[in-house]
C-alpha atoms as a PDB file:
ATOM      1  CA  MET A   1       0.000   0.000   0.000  1.00  0.00           C
ATOM      2  CA  TYR A   2       1.347   3.436  -0.977  1.00  0.00           C
ATOM      3  CA  ARG A   3       0.286   5.953   1.695  1.00  0.00           C
ATOM      4  CA  VAL A   4      -0.232   9.593   0.748  1.00  0.00           C
ATOM      5  CA  LEU A   5      -0.949  12.366   3.257  1.00  0.00           C
ATOM      6  CA  ILE A   6      -3.123  15.120   1.791  1.00  0.00           C
ATOM      7  CA  PRO A   7      -3.399  18.245   3.958  1.00  0.00           C
ATOM      8  CA  VAL A   8      -6.557  20.144   2.962  1.00  0.00           C
ATOM      9  CA  ASP A   9      -7.712  23.627   3.897  1.00  0.00           C
ATOM     10  CA  ASP A  10     -10.878  25.508   2.951  1.00  0.00           C
ATOM     11  CA  ASN A  11      -9.746  26.480  -0.567  1.00  0.00           C
ATOM     12  CA  GLU A  12     -11.795  24.613  -3.196  1.00  0.00           C
ATOM     13  CA  GLU A  13      -9.392  25.318  -6.069  1.00  0.00           C
ATOM     14  CA  ARG A  14      -6.419  23.840  -4.196  1.00  0.00           C
ATOM     15  CA  ALA A  15      -8.524  20.828  -3.182  1.00  0.00           C
ATOM     16  CA  GLU A  16      -9.501  20.189  -6.817  1.00  0.00           C
ATOM     17  CA  LYS A  17      -5.854  20.383  -7.864  1.00  0.00           C
ATOM     18  CA  GLN A  18      -4.925  17.859  -5.189  1.00  0.00           C
ATOM     19  CA  ILE A  19      -7.672  15.498  -6.382  1.00  0.00           C
ATOM     20  CA  ASP A  20      -6.475  15.807  -9.989  1.00  0.00           C
ATOM     21  CA  THR A  21      -2.837  15.303  -9.024  1.00  0.00           C
ATOM     22  CA  ILE A  22      -3.238  12.110  -7.003  1.00  0.00           C
ATOM     23  CA  GLY A  23      -4.137  10.186 -10.145  1.00  0.00           C
ATOM     24  CA  ASN A  24      -0.848  11.257 -11.730  1.00  0.00           C
ATOM     25  CA  ILE A  25       1.617  10.312  -9.019  1.00  0.00           C
ATOM     26  CA  PRO A  26       4.635   8.976 -10.898  1.00  0.00           C
ATOM     27  CA  SER A  27       5.947   5.440 -10.410  1.00  0.00           C
ATOM     28  CA  VAL A  28       3.282   4.105  -8.075  1.00  0.00           C
ATOM     29  CA  ASP A  29       2.580   0.474  -8.938  1.00  0.00           C
ATOM     30  CA  GLU A  30       0.600  -0.373  -5.812  1.00  0.00           C
ATOM     31  CA  PRO A  31      -2.792   0.686  -4.461  1.00  0.00           C
ATOM     32  CA  ILE A  32      -2.912   4.167  -2.919  1.00  0.00           C
ATOM     33  CA  GLU A  33      -4.190   4.815   0.594  1.00  0.00           C
ATOM     34  CA  ALA A  34      -5.046   8.482   1.154  1.00  0.00           C
ATOM     35  CA  HIS A  35      -4.958  10.217   4.519  1.00  0.00           C
ATOM     36  CA  VAL A  36      -6.830  13.512   4.218  1.00  0.00           C
ATOM     37  CA  VAL A  37      -5.794  15.878   7.004  1.00  0.00           C
ATOM     38  CA  TYR A  38      -7.356  19.085   8.283  1.00  0.00           C
ATOM     39  CA  VAL A  39      -5.627  21.029  11.044  1.00  0.00           C
ATOM     40  CA  TYR A  40      -7.512  23.336  13.389  1.00  0.00           C
ATOM     41  CA  GLU A  41      -5.149  26.103  14.421  1.00  0.00           C
ATOM     42  CA  GLU A  42      -4.935  26.540  18.155  1.00  0.00           C
ATOM     43  CA  ILE A  43      -6.177  29.686  19.795  1.00  0.00           C
ATOM     44  CA  GLU A  44      -3.137  31.394  21.244  1.00  0.00           C
ATOM     45  CA  THR A  45      -3.122  31.631  24.988  1.00  0.00           C
ATOM     46  CA  PRO A  46      -1.766  34.594  26.937  1.00  0.00           C
ATOM     47  CA  GLY A  47       1.659  34.259  28.469  1.00  0.00           C
ATOM     48  CA  GLU A  48       2.387  33.415  32.082  1.00  0.00           C
ATOM     49  CA  GLY A  49      -0.175  34.654  34.554  1.00  0.00           C
ATOM     50  CA  GLY A  50      -3.110  34.300  32.150  1.00  0.00           C
ATOM     51  CA  GLY A  51      -5.000  32.589  34.971  1.00  0.00           C
ATOM     52  CA  PHE A  52      -8.524  31.514  34.172  1.00  0.00           C
ATOM     53  CA  ALA A  53      -8.260  32.550  30.520  1.00  0.00           C
ATOM     54  CA  THR A  54      -5.237  30.309  29.931  1.00  0.00           C
ATOM     55  CA  GLY A  55      -6.934  27.238  31.405  1.00  0.00           C
ATOM     56  CA  TYR A  56     -10.147  27.976  29.534  1.00  0.00           C
ATOM     57  CA  LEU A  57      -8.346  28.433  26.202  1.00  0.00           C
ATOM     58  CA  ASP A  58      -6.330  25.258  26.786  1.00  0.00           C
ATOM     59  CA  ASP A  59      -9.609  23.360  27.273  1.00  0.00           C
ATOM     60  CA  ILE A  60     -11.007  24.846  24.054  1.00  0.00           C
ATOM     61  CA  ASN A  61      -7.852  23.960  22.116  1.00  0.00           C
ATOM     62  CA  GLU A  62      -8.068  20.351  23.295  1.00  0.00           C
ATOM     63  CA  SER A  63     -11.664  20.167  22.026  1.00  0.00           C
ATOM     64  CA  LEU A  64     -11.457  22.179  18.781  1.00  0.00           C
ATOM     65  CA  ASP A  65     -11.968  19.129  16.584  1.00  0.00           C
ATOM     66  CA  GLU A  66     -15.166  18.316  18.525  1.00  0.00           C
ATOM     67  CA  LEU A  67     -16.455  21.902  18.627  1.00  0.00           C
ATOM     68  CA  ARG A  68     -16.065  22.731  14.944  1.00  0.00           C
ATOM     69  CA  ASP A  69     -16.703  20.985  11.664  1.00  0.00           C
ATOM     70  CA  PRO A  70     -13.989  20.803   9.048  1.00  0.00           C
ATOM     71  CA  PRO A  71     -14.556  22.750   5.833  1.00  0.00           C
ATOM     72  CA  GLU A  72     -16.551  21.061   3.060  1.00  0.00           C
ATOM     73  CA  THR A  73     -13.372  20.642   1.041  1.00  0.00           C
ATOM     74  CA  VAL A  74     -12.196  17.915   3.435  1.00  0.00           C
ATOM     75  CA  ASN A  75     -15.220  15.712   2.751  1.00  0.00           C
ATOM     76  CA  ASP A  76     -15.184  16.680  -0.939  1.00  0.00           C
ATOM     77  CA  VAL A  77     -11.595  15.465  -1.333  1.00  0.00           C
ATOM     78  CA  ALA A  78     -12.247  12.267   0.631  1.00  0.00           C
ATOM     79  CA  GLU A  79     -15.386  11.517  -1.382  1.00  0.00           C
ATOM     80  CA  ALA A  80     -13.696  12.200  -4.745  1.00  0.00           C
ATOM     81  CA  LEU A  81     -10.801   9.911  -3.855  1.00  0.00           C
ATOM     82  CA  SER A  82     -13.142   7.178  -2.632  1.00  0.00           C
ATOM     83  CA  ASP A  83     -15.081   7.485  -5.903  1.00  0.00           C
ATOM     84  CA  ARG A  84     -11.793   6.768  -7.703  1.00  0.00           C
ATOM     85  CA  GLY A  85     -11.343   3.572  -5.701  1.00  0.00           C
ATOM     86  CA  ILE A  86      -8.747   4.999  -3.317  1.00  0.00           C
ATOM     87  CA  ASP A  87      -8.993   3.924   0.320  1.00  0.00           C
ATOM     88  CA  THR A  88      -9.416   7.180   2.217  1.00  0.00           C
ATOM     89  CA  GLU A  89      -9.338   8.189   5.849  1.00  0.00           C
ATOM     90  CA  ILE A  90      -9.964  11.660   7.320  1.00  0.00           C
ATOM     91  CA  HIS A  91      -7.877  12.955  10.222  1.00  0.00           C
ATOM     92  CA  GLU A  92      -8.773  16.114  12.149  1.00  0.00           C
ATOM     93  CA  LEU A  93      -5.859  17.521  14.125  1.00  0.00           C
ATOM     94  CA  VAL A  94      -5.294  20.514  16.380  1.00  0.00           C
ATOM     95  CA  GLY A  95      -2.104  22.566  16.532  1.00  0.00           C
ATOM     96  CA  ASP A  96       0.367  24.403  14.374  1.00  0.00           C
ATOM     97  CA  PRO A  97      -0.516  23.300  10.820  1.00  0.00           C
ATOM     98  CA  ALA A  98       3.030  22.599   9.605  1.00  0.00           C
ATOM     99  CA  GLU A  99       4.027  20.752  12.776  1.00  0.00           C
ATOM    100  CA  ALA A 100       0.779  18.741  12.804  1.00  0.00           C
ATOM    101  CA  ILE A 101       1.211  17.749   9.147  1.00  0.00           C
ATOM    102  CA  LEU A 102       4.807  16.661   9.675  1.00  0.00           C
ATOM    103  CA  THR A 103       3.920  14.724  12.831  1.00  0.00           C
ATOM    104  CA  ALA A 104       1.010  12.997  11.076  1.00  0.00           C
ATOM    105  CA  SER A 105       3.252  12.036   8.166  1.00  0.00           C
ATOM    106  CA  ARG A 106       5.623  10.275  10.562  1.00  0.00           C
ATOM    107  CA  GLU A 107       2.923   8.661  12.706  1.00  0.00           C
ATOM    108  CA  LEU A 108       0.992   7.382   9.684  1.00  0.00           C
ATOM    109  CA  ASP A 109       4.220   6.227   8.016  1.00  0.00           C
ATOM    110  CA  VAL A 110       3.281   7.827   4.697  1.00  0.00           C
ATOM    111  CA  ASN A 111       5.308   7.498   1.519  1.00  0.00           C
ATOM    112  CA  MET A 112       4.493  10.969   0.203  1.00  0.00           C
ATOM    113  CA  LEU A 113       2.816  14.274   1.021  1.00  0.00           C
ATOM    114  CA  LEU A 114       0.549  15.939  -1.538  1.00  0.00           C
ATOM    115  CA  MET A 115       0.411  19.673  -0.796  1.00  0.00           C
ATOM    116  CA  GLY A 116      -1.831  22.251  -2.394  1.00  0.00           C
ATOM    117  CA  VAL A 117      -0.274  25.700  -2.687  1.00  0.00           C
ATOM    118  CA  ARG A 118      -1.566  29.148  -3.549  1.00  0.00           C
ATOM    119  CA  ASP A 119      -0.902  30.829  -6.855  1.00  0.00           C
ATOM    120  CA  ARG A 120       1.644  33.514  -6.154  1.00  0.00           C
ATOM    121  CA  SER A 121       3.248  36.507  -7.788  1.00  0.00           C
ATOM    122  CA  PRO A 122       6.732  35.940  -9.290  1.00  0.00           C
ATOM    123  CA  ILE A 123       8.315  37.029  -6.009  1.00  0.00           C
ATOM    124  CA  GLY A 124       5.864  34.938  -3.994  1.00  0.00           C
ATOM    125  CA  LYS A 125       6.754  31.868  -6.037  1.00  0.00           C
ATOM    126  CA  VAL A 126      10.289  32.033  -4.683  1.00  0.00           C
ATOM    127  CA  VAL A 127       8.955  31.535  -1.174  1.00  0.00           C
ATOM    128  CA  PHE A 128       5.961  29.223  -0.735  1.00  0.00           C
ATOM    129  CA  GLY A 129       3.434  30.013   1.983  1.00  0.00           C
ATOM    130  CA  SER A 130       4.818  29.509   5.445  1.00  0.00           C
ATOM    131  CA  VAL A 131       2.993  26.193   6.047  1.00  0.00           C
ATOM    132  CA  SER A 132       3.971  24.799   2.647  1.00  0.00           C
ATOM    133  CA  GLN A 133       7.548  25.956   3.064  1.00  0.00           C
ATOM    134  CA  LYS A 134       7.896  24.436   6.536  1.00  0.00           C
ATOM    135  CA  VAL A 135       6.411  21.147   5.355  1.00  0.00           C
ATOM    136  CA  ILE A 136       8.563  20.951   2.224  1.00  0.00           C
ATOM    137  CA  LEU A 137      11.730  21.725   4.169  1.00  0.00           C
ATOM    138  CA  GLY A 138      10.864  19.569   7.190  1.00  0.00           C
ATOM    139  CA  SER A 139       9.448  16.471   5.526  1.00  0.00           C
ATOM    140  CA  GLU A 140      11.268  13.160   5.728  1.00  0.00           C
ATOM    141  CA  VAL A 141       9.353  11.898   2.662  1.00  0.00           C
ATOM    142  CA  PRO A 142       8.897  13.375  -0.816  1.00  0.00           C
ATOM    143  CA  VAL A 143       6.441  16.265  -1.129  1.00  0.00           C
ATOM    144  CA  LEU A 144       4.460  16.575  -4.352  1.00  0.00           C
ATOM    145  CA  VAL A 145       3.069  20.067  -4.924  1.00  0.00           C
ATOM    146  CA  ALA A 146      -0.281  20.217  -6.711  1.00  0.00           C
ATOM    147  CA  ARG A 147      -0.465  23.169  -9.109  1.00  0.00           C
END
């Protein structure tokens, strides 16, 4: 089984590009297993001495995946991949997006990451978005960028 981690946000265009790209992964001769990931960003807590607010925000952060629904794009990607015969699992995580994606890639023992990126100006193309850049630079497995 060839495991691919697909981080998805709320952008429909990027999600569609990721769906289109997974069918064109080069040199994959085995069935693909897709792990669609959505990361809820934590609410930042005040520094030391935040008292009640810090404890309250920590409780909220621990429950973000239960309190909110992921964007429709997450289910859209999972459904489209399933329709193509790809085994698909959805993972909802809480934390810093880049760190959560990299941790999930290690824990799920994936073979590849499939990132969607924003269209950028010529200068912006030199530096990907901060999440994409951190994932590309920090990944222990190949990262395929869907354009």
